[in-house]
Amino acid sequence: MELRDGIWALLGYGALPAWLLAGGADWLCHRRSHIEATSGPAESAIHIALFLQIAVPTLVSLWFEINALLLVLMALGVLAHTLTSLWDTRYAQPRRLISPVEQQIHGWLEMWPLFALTLVALLHVAELVTPQWHFAPRENSPSVGWRWAVSLGFAGGFAFILEEWWRGRRHAGHAVEGKR
């Protein structure tokens, strides 16, 4: 196995599943802290934004060749994710307990995308020397089956976040009805 293949395997079979699993663990922390009754759907909406800031560039990179345009899109996604993470913590902290375990999970959720972007940029540094600024469909690896599997994994992760948001919306509606 060449180094390049090993790095792609690390990203695809290590970093990506680890990020999705950390997201699942974060969802469990949110359930345990009863996010629907504390910071509610507003914090869950921030989580939707956080997810999309990483999921969209990652999914685009599965289906289109990685070039300068895509590297910039990925970097902007990681930057936006970092800034939104700060906003998320600032919003949530006064409204609910963010446990030490959840704080550790947030560290993983924040660092894996930066780690992955660094490796992808190193693999495609030539794209920055002669930049291409258009989307071109991928022709070779990864396999179409693997791309669909990853896409479905992201869809599953997104379903958890939407469930959290919906739970918060339901609770907010019950709280309003209870005040009448």
Protein backbone atom coordinates (compact mmCIF):
# COMPACT_ATOMS: atom_id res chain seq x y z
CA MET A 1 0.00 0.00 0.00
CA GLU A 2 1.34 3.42 -0.95
CA LEU A 3 1.44 6.25 1.58
CA ARG A 4 -1.26 8.13 -0.37
CA ASP A 5 -3.59 5.10 -0.18
CA GLY A 6 -2.84 4.70 3.51
CA ILE A 7 -3.75 8.33 4.20
CA TRP A 8 -7.02 7.94 2.28
CA ALA A 9 -7.77 4.77 4.25
CA LEU A 10 -7.05 6.64 7.51
CA LEU A 11 -9.43 9.40 6.47
CA GLY A 12 -12.19 7.16 5.12
CA TYR A 13 -12.08 4.31 7.61
CA GLY A 14 -10.75 6.21 10.64
CA ALA A 15 -11.35 9.95 10.78
CA LEU A 16 -14.74 10.01 9.11
CA PRO A 17 -16.34 7.22 11.17
CA ALA A 18 -14.72 8.65 14.33
CA TRP A 19 -16.29 12.05 13.60
CA LEU A 20 -19.71 10.51 13.00
CA LEU A 21 -19.43 8.38 16.16
CA ALA A 22 -18.39 11.45 18.18
CA GLY A 23 -21.50 13.18 16.82
CA GLY A 24 -23.60 10.26 18.03
CA ALA A 25 -21.97 10.45 21.47
CA ASP A 26 -22.65 14.20 21.54
CA TRP A 27 -26.31 13.50 20.72
CA LEU A 28 -26.44 11.10 23.69
CA CYS A 29 -24.98 13.82 25.94
CA HIS A 30 -27.66 16.22 24.70
CA ARG A 31 -30.39 13.69 25.51
CA ARG A 32 -28.93 13.15 28.96
CA SER A 33 -28.81 16.89 29.65
CA HIS A 34 -32.42 17.28 28.38
CA ILE A 35 -31.43 19.84 25.77
CA GLU A 36 -35.09 20.13 24.72
CA ALA A 37 -35.97 21.59 28.13
CA THR A 38 -32.90 23.79 28.57
CA SER A 39 -31.41 25.42 25.49
CA GLY A 40 -34.09 23.95 23.22
CA PRO A 41 -34.43 24.01 19.47
CA ALA A 42 -32.26 27.12 19.11
CA GLU A 43 -29.16 25.19 20.14
CA SER A 44 -30.23 22.25 17.97
CA ALA A 45 -30.48 24.64 15.00
CA ILE A 46 -26.86 25.60 15.65
CA HIS A 47 -26.01 21.88 15.62
CA ILE A 48 -27.68 21.56 12.23
CA ALA A 49 -25.44 24.37 10.93
CA LEU A 50 -22.34 22.73 12.47
CA PHE A 51 -23.16 19.42 10.82
CA LEU A 52 -23.78 20.95 7.40
CA GLN A 53 -20.56 22.99 7.54
CA ILE A 54 -18.59 19.74 7.55
CA ALA A 55 -20.97 17.35 5.78
CA VAL A 56 -21.50 19.42 2.64
CA PRO A 57 -17.81 19.91 1.74
CA THR A 58 -17.06 16.29 2.66
CA LEU A 59 -19.87 14.90 0.52
CA VAL A 60 -18.94 17.18 -2.37
CA SER A 61 -15.36 15.88 -2.12
CA LEU A 62 -16.64 12.31 -2.49
CA TRP A 63 -18.40 13.05 -5.75
CA PHE A 64 -16.12 15.70 -7.31
CA GLU A 65 -12.39 15.88 -7.93
CA ILE A 66 -10.49 17.65 -5.20
CA ASN A 67 -9.03 20.82 -6.66
CA ALA A 68 -8.34 24.37 -5.44
CA LEU A 69 -12.05 25.27 -5.48
CA LEU A 70 -12.95 22.29 -3.32
CA LEU A 71 -9.98 22.82 -0.97
CA VAL A 72 -11.13 26.42 -0.41
CA LEU A 73 -14.71 25.21 0.16
CA MET A 74 -13.43 22.65 2.67
CA ALA A 75 -11.26 25.25 4.46
CA LEU A 76 -14.20 27.66 4.66
CA GLY A 77 -16.35 24.86 6.08
CA VAL A 78 -13.78 24.10 8.79
CA LEU A 79 -13.38 27.81 9.61
CA ALA A 80 -17.16 28.31 9.78
CA HIS A 81 -17.45 25.16 11.93
CA THR A 82 -14.85 26.51 14.37
CA LEU A 83 -16.59 29.88 14.67
CA THR A 84 -20.03 28.29 14.97
CA SER A 85 -18.68 25.96 17.69
CA LEU A 86 -17.72 29.02 19.72
CA TRP A 87 -21.19 30.49 19.20
CA ASP A 88 -22.76 27.16 20.20
CA THR A 89 -20.84 26.98 23.47
CA ARG A 90 -21.52 30.64 24.25
CA TYR A 91 -25.23 30.05 23.69
CA ALA A 92 -25.49 26.72 25.56
CA GLN A 93 -23.24 27.30 28.57
CA PRO A 94 -25.58 29.58 30.55
CA ARG A 95 -28.60 27.41 29.70
CA ARG A 96 -27.40 23.89 30.47
CA LEU A 97 -24.53 21.92 31.92
CA ILE A 98 -21.93 20.92 29.35
CA SER A 99 -20.37 17.95 31.14
CA PRO A 100 -16.64 17.17 31.01
CA VAL A 101 -17.42 14.15 28.81
CA GLU A 102 -19.38 16.32 26.39
CA GLN A 103 -16.53 18.86 26.37
CA GLN A 104 -14.11 16.09 25.39
CA ILE A 105 -16.45 14.95 22.63
CA HIS A 106 -16.62 18.53 21.35
CA GLY A 107 -12.83 18.50 21.12
CA TRP A 108 -13.03 15.50 18.81
CA LEU A 109 -15.82 17.05 16.76
CA GLU A 110 -13.77 20.22 16.31
CA MET A 111 -10.35 18.70 15.64
CA TRP A 112 -11.18 15.81 13.29
CA PRO A 113 -12.28 18.15 10.48
CA LEU A 114 -9.09 20.22 10.83
CA PHE A 115 -7.01 17.04 10.87
CA ALA A 116 -8.78 15.73 7.78
CA LEU A 117 -8.46 19.04 5.93
CA THR A 118 -4.73 19.12 6.66
CA LEU A 119 -4.22 15.64 5.25
CA VAL A 120 -6.38 16.30 2.18
CA ALA A 121 -4.52 19.56 1.51
CA LEU A 122 -1.17 17.74 1.78
CA LEU A 123 -2.38 15.10 -0.67
CA HIS A 124 -3.49 17.79 -3.12
CA VAL A 125 -0.86 20.47 -2.64
CA ALA A 126 -0.20 20.40 -6.41
CA GLU A 127 -3.74 21.73 -6.88
CA LEU A 128 -2.65 24.92 -5.16
CA VAL A 129 0.30 25.36 -7.56
CA THR A 130 -1.87 25.11 -10.67
CA PRO A 131 -5.34 25.81 -9.28
CA GLN A 132 -8.52 24.61 -10.95
CA TRP A 133 -11.66 26.60 -10.07
CA HIS A 134 -14.48 24.34 -11.28
CA PHE A 135 -16.31 21.22 -10.20
CA ALA A 136 -15.37 18.08 -12.10
CA PRO A 137 -17.03 14.72 -11.36
CA ARG A 138 -14.76 12.10 -9.81
CA GLU A 139 -13.78 9.37 -12.19
CA ASN A 140 -11.88 6.90 -10.02
CA SER A 141 -11.62 6.26 -6.32
CA PRO A 142 -13.32 6.09 -3.97
CA SER A 143 -15.71 3.47 -5.27
CA VAL A 144 -19.30 4.48 -5.95
CA GLY A 145 -20.52 1.97 -3.34
CA TRP A 146 -18.26 3.47 -0.69
CA ARG A 147 -19.38 7.00 -1.63
CA TRP A 148 -23.01 5.97 -1.20
CA ALA A 149 -22.22 4.25 2.11
CA VAL A 150 -20.58 7.43 3.44
CA SER A 151 -23.47 9.53 2.13
CA LEU A 152 -25.93 7.26 3.97
CA GLY A 153 -23.79 7.53 7.12
CA PHE A 154 -24.08 11.30 6.94
CA ALA A 155 -27.82 11.01 6.36
CA GLY A 156 -28.08 8.90 9.52
CA GLY A 157 -26.11 11.46 11.50
CA PHE A 158 -28.32 14.23 10.19
CA ALA A 159 -31.41 12.27 11.25
CA PHE A 160 -30.18 12.30 14.86
CA ILE A 161 -29.70 16.07 14.78
CA LEU A 162 -33.14 16.60 13.26
CA GLU A 163 -34.63 14.35 15.96
CA GLU A 164 -32.99 16.54 18.62
CA TRP A 165 -34.32 19.70 16.96
CA TRP A 166 -37.82 18.20 16.63
CA ARG A 167 -37.78 17.11 20.27
CA GLY A 168 -36.93 20.69 21.26
CA ARG A 169 -39.69 22.10 19.05
CA ARG A 170 -42.20 19.70 20.57
CA HIS A 171 -41.13 20.60 24.10
CA ALA A 172 -41.29 24.33 23.31
CA GLY A 173 -44.83 23.86 21.96
CA HIS A 174 -45.89 21.99 25.10
CA ALA A 175 -44.36 24.69 27.30
CA VAL A 176 -46.37 27.38 25.47
CA GLU A 177 -49.58 25.34 25.76
CA GLY A 178 -48.94 24.78 29.48
CA LYS A 179 -48.75 28.56 30.09
CA ARG A 180 -52.22 29.16 28.65
